[in-house]
Protein backbone atom coordinates (compact mmCIF):
# COMPACT_ATOMS: atom_id res chain seq x y z
CA MET A 1 0.09 0.13 -0.07
CA PRO A 2 1.20 3.64 -0.85
CA LYS A 3 2.42 5.72 2.32
CA HIS A 4 -0.37 8.03 3.12
CA PHE A 5 0.12 11.70 4.09
CA ASP A 6 -2.27 14.34 5.33
CA ILE A 7 -0.64 16.95 2.87
CA ILE A 8 1.59 16.51 -0.36
CA VAL A 9 3.27 19.45 -1.64
CA ILE A 10 4.17 19.37 -5.16
CA GLY A 11 7.11 21.75 -5.85
CA ALA A 12 9.93 22.97 -3.45
CA GLY A 13 10.28 26.45 -4.58
CA PRO A 14 9.33 29.40 -2.19
CA ALA A 15 5.44 28.70 -2.24
CA GLY A 16 6.02 24.91 -1.64
CA MET A 17 8.35 25.18 1.11
CA THR A 18 6.32 27.79 2.92
CA ALA A 19 3.45 25.71 2.79
CA ALA A 20 5.04 22.64 3.94
CA LEU A 21 6.50 24.71 6.76
CA ASN A 22 3.21 25.90 7.90
CA CYS A 23 1.49 22.58 7.62
CA LEU A 24 4.26 20.93 9.59
CA ARG A 25 3.88 23.41 12.23
CA ALA A 26 0.18 22.54 12.30
CA GLY A 27 1.14 19.11 12.96
CA LYS A 28 0.28 17.54 9.94
CA THR A 29 2.34 14.91 8.08
CA VAL A 30 3.83 16.29 4.88
CA LEU A 31 5.53 14.89 1.78
CA VAL A 32 7.38 17.37 -0.36
CA LEU A 33 7.82 16.26 -4.06
CA GLU A 34 10.36 17.84 -6.31
CA GLY A 35 11.36 16.90 -9.69
CA GLU A 36 13.98 19.48 -10.52
CA ASN A 37 16.01 21.98 -8.13
CA VAL A 38 15.17 23.10 -4.78
CA GLY A 39 14.15 26.79 -4.69
CA GLY A 40 12.56 26.89 -8.02
CA GLN A 41 13.61 29.87 -10.42
CA ILE A 42 14.63 32.34 -7.40
CA ALA A 43 17.22 29.92 -6.63
CA LEU A 44 19.06 30.95 -9.61
CA SER A 45 18.61 34.69 -9.11
CA PRO A 46 22.17 35.78 -7.86
CA ARG A 47 20.62 39.06 -6.22
CA VAL A 48 17.32 39.53 -4.39
CA GLU A 49 16.85 42.84 -2.89
CA ASN A 50 13.11 42.85 -2.24
CA PHE A 51 12.76 40.23 0.39
CA PRO A 52 12.06 41.65 3.93
CA SER A 53 14.82 42.00 6.41
CA TYR A 54 17.61 40.99 3.74
CA PRO A 55 18.73 44.06 1.92
CA VAL A 56 20.65 41.79 -0.56
CA ALA A 57 20.87 38.10 -0.78
CA ALA A 58 21.31 35.28 -3.25
CA GLY A 59 18.11 33.36 -4.14
CA ALA A 60 20.06 30.06 -3.52
CA GLU A 61 21.10 31.36 -0.01
CA LEU A 62 17.39 32.10 0.95
CA MET A 63 16.12 28.78 -0.47
CA ASP A 64 18.71 26.66 1.28
CA LYS A 65 17.61 28.42 4.48
CA LEU A 66 14.14 27.32 3.93
CA TYR A 67 14.98 23.91 2.89
CA SER A 68 16.77 23.30 6.14
CA GLN A 69 14.01 24.64 8.10
CA ILE A 70 11.30 22.28 6.64
CA GLU A 71 13.82 19.36 7.12
CA GLN A 72 14.31 20.38 10.87
CA TRP A 73 10.32 20.37 10.97
CA GLY A 74 10.14 16.76 9.78
CA ALA A 75 9.25 17.26 6.10
CA GLN A 76 9.66 14.12 4.22
CA ILE A 77 11.41 15.22 0.76
CA GLU A 78 11.55 13.05 -2.33
CA PHE A 79 13.32 14.24 -5.41
CA GLU A 80 10.69 12.68 -7.78
CA CYS A 81 8.69 14.15 -10.63
CA ALA A 82 4.84 14.13 -10.24
CA LYS A 83 3.34 12.39 -13.29
CA SER A 84 -0.36 12.56 -12.41
CA ALA A 85 -2.77 13.21 -9.58
CA VAL A 86 -6.08 11.38 -9.06
CA LYS A 87 -8.99 11.88 -6.69
CA GLU A 88 -11.04 8.91 -5.74
CA GLY A 89 -13.55 9.81 -2.72
CA LYS A 90 -11.50 11.88 -0.42
CA THR A 91 -8.03 10.41 -1.14
CA PHE A 92 -5.61 11.72 -3.74
CA THR A 93 -3.17 9.50 -5.45
CA ILE A 94 0.02 11.06 -6.55
CA THR A 95 2.01 9.08 -9.14
CA THR A 96 5.78 9.95 -9.77
CA ASP A 97 8.40 8.67 -11.97
CA TYR A 98 9.48 6.17 -9.12
CA ALA A 99 6.63 5.68 -6.82
CA THR A 100 2.93 6.17 -5.87
CA TYR A 101 1.75 8.13 -2.48
CA THR A 102 -1.71 9.02 -1.15
CA CYS A 103 -2.79 12.05 0.82
CA THR A 104 -5.89 13.91 2.04
CA SER A 105 -5.01 17.05 0.55
CA VAL A 106 -2.77 18.46 -2.17
CA ILE A 107 -0.84 21.81 -2.73
CA LEU A 108 0.30 22.39 -6.09
CA ALA A 109 3.20 24.70 -6.17
CA THR A 110 4.61 23.66 -9.50
CA GLY A 111 6.21 27.01 -10.34
CA CYS A 112 7.44 27.75 -13.91
CA LYS A 113 10.26 26.97 -16.15
CA HIS A 114 12.02 29.16 -18.78
CA ARG A 115 10.49 30.19 -21.81
CA GLU A 116 12.44 29.51 -25.17
CA ILE A 117 12.79 32.40 -27.47
CA GLY A 118 11.85 30.02 -30.56
CA VAL A 119 14.57 30.72 -33.04
CA GLU A 120 16.23 28.17 -35.05
CA ARG A 121 19.19 26.63 -33.53
CA GLU A 122 18.37 27.59 -29.90
CA GLU A 123 18.37 24.19 -28.62
CA GLU A 124 21.66 23.29 -30.58
CA LEU A 125 23.68 25.99 -29.17
CA VAL A 126 22.46 25.48 -25.61
CA GLY A 127 25.67 25.38 -23.68
CA ASN A 128 27.63 26.56 -26.62
CA GLY A 129 26.57 30.05 -26.36
CA VAL A 130 23.01 30.08 -25.45
CA SER A 131 21.94 30.11 -21.72
CA TYR A 132 18.84 30.69 -19.53
CA CYS A 133 20.96 30.95 -16.20
CA ALA A 134 23.55 33.81 -15.80
CA LEU A 135 24.13 32.30 -12.27
CA CYS A 136 25.09 28.93 -13.72
CA ASP A 137 26.97 29.92 -16.75
CA GLY A 138 28.12 33.54 -16.34
CA ALA A 139 31.35 32.81 -15.08
CA PHE A 140 32.46 31.05 -18.25
CA TYR A 141 32.34 34.37 -20.01
CA LYS A 142 34.54 36.37 -17.89
CA GLY A 143 36.29 39.18 -19.98
CA GLU A 144 33.84 38.59 -22.88
CA ASP A 145 31.17 40.57 -24.55
CA VAL A 146 27.63 38.75 -23.68
CA ALA A 147 23.92 39.57 -24.43
CA VAL A 148 20.95 39.54 -22.22
CA ILE A 149 17.70 39.04 -24.23
CA GLY A 150 14.77 40.32 -22.09
CA ASP A 151 13.40 43.48 -20.52
CA ALA A 152 12.19 42.58 -16.88
CA ASN A 153 13.38 41.91 -13.64
CA THR A 154 15.32 38.62 -14.08
CA ALA A 155 16.91 40.06 -17.42
CA LEU A 156 18.26 43.15 -15.53
CA GLN A 157 19.48 41.09 -12.58
CA TYR A 158 21.34 38.79 -14.97
CA ALA A 159 22.94 41.99 -16.68
CA LEU A 160 24.16 43.45 -13.22
CA LEU A 161 25.78 40.07 -12.33
CA LEU A 162 27.52 39.58 -15.75
CA ALA A 163 28.78 43.38 -15.65
CA GLY A 164 30.80 42.41 -12.73
CA TYR A 165 33.34 40.29 -14.84
CA CYS A 166 32.13 40.50 -18.64
CA ASN A 167 33.73 43.15 -20.82
CA LYS A 168 30.49 44.26 -22.22
CA VAL A 169 26.71 43.46 -21.71
CA HIS A 170 24.09 44.10 -24.17
CA ILE A 171 20.68 44.34 -23.16
CA CYS A 172 18.44 43.49 -26.17
CA ALA A 173 14.81 44.61 -25.47
CA LEU A 174 11.68 43.65 -27.81
CA PHE A 175 9.89 46.92 -26.76
CA ASP A 176 10.55 50.61 -26.09
CA ARG A 177 11.23 50.47 -22.58
CA LEU A 178 12.05 48.17 -19.66
CA PHE A 179 9.58 46.49 -17.48
CA ALA A 180 11.80 45.92 -14.55
CA ASP A 181 11.76 47.73 -10.95
CA LYS A 182 13.06 51.23 -11.05
CA ALA A 183 15.67 50.30 -8.58
CA LEU A 184 17.22 47.86 -10.95
CA VAL A 185 16.62 49.82 -14.01
CA ASP A 186 18.78 52.71 -12.17
CA LEU A 187 21.50 50.18 -11.14
CA VAL A 188 21.72 48.80 -14.81
CA MET A 189 21.78 52.42 -16.23
CA ALA A 190 24.72 53.29 -14.06
CA LYS A 191 27.07 50.42 -15.33
CA PRO A 192 29.49 51.76 -17.88
CA ASN A 193 29.88 48.34 -19.57
CA VAL A 194 26.06 47.91 -20.06
CA ASP A 195 24.04 49.11 -22.99
CA VAL A 196 20.53 48.80 -23.84
CA THR A 197 19.02 48.39 -27.33
CA TYR A 198 15.31 48.96 -27.76
CA ASN A 199 12.79 47.72 -30.30
CA ILE A 200 14.72 44.78 -31.52
CA ALA A 201 13.74 41.17 -32.35
CA LEU A 202 15.91 38.22 -32.34
CA LYS A 203 16.08 36.57 -35.96
CA GLU A 204 19.18 34.32 -35.86
CA PHE A 205 21.96 32.79 -33.89
CA VAL A 206 25.26 33.09 -35.71
CA GLY A 207 27.97 30.80 -35.43
CA GLU A 208 29.18 27.17 -36.29
CA ASP A 209 29.82 25.23 -33.09
CA GLU A 210 29.56 28.21 -30.87
CA LEU A 211 27.74 31.43 -30.71
CA SER A 212 29.64 34.57 -32.34
CA SER A 213 26.93 37.03 -32.88
CA LEU A 214 23.13 37.67 -32.96
CA ARG A 215 21.33 39.00 -35.61
CA PHE A 216 18.22 41.15 -34.83
CA GLU A 217 15.59 43.30 -36.59
CA ASN A 218 14.34 46.62 -35.59
CA THR A 219 10.65 46.28 -34.97
CA ALA A 220 9.95 49.90 -36.00
CA THR A 221 12.15 50.19 -38.97
CA GLY A 222 12.74 46.69 -40.17
CA GLU A 223 16.59 47.70 -40.12
CA PRO A 224 19.12 44.71 -39.53
CA LEU A 225 21.36 44.79 -36.32
CA THR A 226 24.11 42.50 -35.42
CA VAL A 227 25.49 42.12 -31.91
CA ASP A 228 28.82 40.51 -31.48
CA CYS A 229 28.70 38.11 -28.42
CA LYS A 230 29.96 34.88 -27.08
CA CYS A 231 26.88 34.03 -25.16
CA ALA A 232 23.12 35.14 -25.33
CA PHE A 233 21.41 34.70 -21.82
CA ILE A 234 17.58 34.42 -22.81
CA CYS A 235 14.92 35.88 -20.42
CA VAL A 236 11.71 35.97 -22.18
CA GLY A 237 9.42 34.79 -19.53
CA GLN A 238 8.30 31.46 -18.07
CA ILE A 239 5.95 28.57 -18.52
CA PRO A 240 3.76 27.10 -15.90
CA GLN A 241 4.38 23.32 -15.29
CA ASN A 242 0.73 22.41 -14.66
CA GLU A 243 0.40 19.99 -17.57
CA PRO A 244 0.15 16.78 -15.40
CA PHE A 245 -2.82 18.25 -13.50
CA LYS A 246 -4.98 19.53 -16.18
CA ASP A 247 -7.35 16.94 -15.67
CA LEU A 248 -7.61 17.61 -11.89
CA VAL A 249 -7.89 21.24 -11.45
CA ALA A 250 -9.14 23.77 -14.20
CA LEU A 251 -6.24 25.87 -16.08
CA ASP A 252 -6.63 28.93 -18.09
CA SER A 253 -5.56 29.43 -21.69
CA LYS A 254 -2.10 30.10 -20.83
CA GLY A 255 -1.78 27.04 -18.45
CA TYR A 256 -1.95 28.50 -15.13
CA ILE A 257 -4.01 27.03 -12.41
CA ILE A 258 -7.30 29.09 -11.80
CA ALA A 259 -7.22 30.12 -8.29
CA ASP A 260 -7.67 33.41 -6.53
CA GLU A 261 -5.92 34.69 -3.29
CA SER A 262 -7.63 32.06 -1.37
CA CYS A 263 -5.40 29.61 -3.65
CA VAL A 264 -8.72 27.35 -3.85
CA THR A 265 -8.95 25.48 -6.92
CA SER A 266 -11.79 23.83 -8.83
CA CYS A 267 -11.04 20.54 -7.27
CA GLU A 268 -12.00 20.38 -3.46
CA GLY A 269 -9.08 19.47 -1.41
CA VAL A 270 -6.50 20.75 -3.90
CA PHE A 271 -4.79 24.27 -3.61
CA ALA A 272 -2.67 26.26 -5.61
CA ALA A 273 0.30 28.47 -4.53
CA GLY A 274 2.88 30.61 -6.13
CA ASP A 275 3.84 31.25 -9.77
CA CYS A 276 1.84 28.47 -11.04
CA ARG A 277 -1.48 29.90 -10.15
CA THR A 278 -3.42 32.96 -12.17
CA LYS A 279 -2.19 35.95 -10.28
CA LYS A 280 -1.07 39.65 -11.16
CA ILE A 281 2.35 39.74 -9.15
CA ARG A 282 4.72 36.98 -9.17
CA GLN A 283 7.74 37.67 -6.75
CA LEU A 284 9.15 35.82 -3.89
CA THR A 285 7.16 37.66 -1.28
CA THR A 286 3.70 36.65 -2.95
CA ALA A 287 4.92 32.98 -3.41
CA ALA A 288 5.54 32.74 0.29
CA SER A 289 2.13 34.55 0.95
CA ASP A 290 0.45 32.20 -1.24
CA GLY A 291 2.30 29.23 0.53
CA THR A 292 0.99 30.33 3.85
CA VAL A 293 -2.70 30.88 2.77
CA ALA A 294 -2.44 27.35 0.83
CA ALA A 295 -1.22 25.68 4.03
CA TYR A 296 -4.09 26.95 6.24
CA ALA A 297 -6.65 26.27 3.79
CA ALA A 298 -5.48 22.50 3.19
CA CYS A 299 -4.86 21.81 6.98
CA ALA A 300 -8.41 23.18 7.49
CA TYR A 301 -9.69 20.77 4.70
CA VAL A 302 -7.81 17.81 6.41
CA ASP A 303 -9.51 18.68 9.79
CA LYS A 304 -12.85 18.59 8.19
CA VAL A 305 -12.35 15.37 6.36
CA THR A 306 -10.87 13.69 9.36
CA ALA A 307 -13.71 14.89 11.64
CA ASN A 308 -16.22 13.25 9.36
CA LEU A 309 -14.56 9.89 8.95
C-alpha cells in the first residue's frame, strides 16, 4: 500500500516550502515532491533585494535556509517528478516517476520554467553560447562580450551580475522600454559596460559550433542589427508546469491554475500556491504568502475530512 500523508506539496520552491513549513507547524504529516532543483526559479537569481529583512541576498542562499527549516520540522522530501494526480472519494493518489503516494489534500506549487525564444538553432547552441541562467553559466564568459535578451527583472538582474566580470553586456529589449523595477533599472543604467537597445527582435543565432553573434531586426524600421557576443542569456518569460494536473484542476488559456488569493482550485482539497496560479504579481514575497494561505486552507480541509470519517 502507498504511504499516506495528510498533505502532499508538489514543488519545493518558495511557495511549496513555505506551505510545507506551515502544514508541519500545524501538526500535519507532509511529503514534498520536487522533480528539479530546490528553490525553483528564485534559486537561480544571483541578487534578491526585495525580500523583507535581507537588503541583498542570493536566491539560493534564501532557499537553502528554507529547505533546512522544513527538514528540521520533519518534512519528508523526495526528489521525484509528479506525473499525475487522481482523486477517488476523499483520497488523492499521486504517481511520480518512481513511486505512488496517497494523501488527503494536495498543494500544487509547481512554479514555472524558462520560456524558449523560439529561434532556429536555439536548442542546438544551449551550452555553446545560449543559456537561460547567468548564475549557472556567466562565469564561463569572464572578460567576454555577452547579451541578455529580455526586459524585465530577471534580465536586469542577470545584466548586473554579468557586468561584474564581463567586458560588455548588451541588453536587447523587444519593446521601447524596460519593464523591471525602477531600482534595478537605475542600477543597470549606472553601469558603464552595460548598454540597452530597444525595439529589436532576434532573428538568428550566428556561429558554427559556438555562438559568435546575434542578428536582430528593428521592429519599428525593419533595419538589421548584429550584436557580437560569446553568449546570449535568454530571459523572455516563463511557462507554468501544470500539464500533469490538467485533468484534476481547471487551467486558464496560458496553462496557469485558476485560483484567486484564497488559493482554492476547482477541485475540493487541492490548493495552488505561487507562480503556477493565476495572479498579477509573481515575486518571492507573494509566493511565500500563497504558501501560507494554501497551507492553512489545506490543514482546515484535512481537519474537516478527518472529523467526518
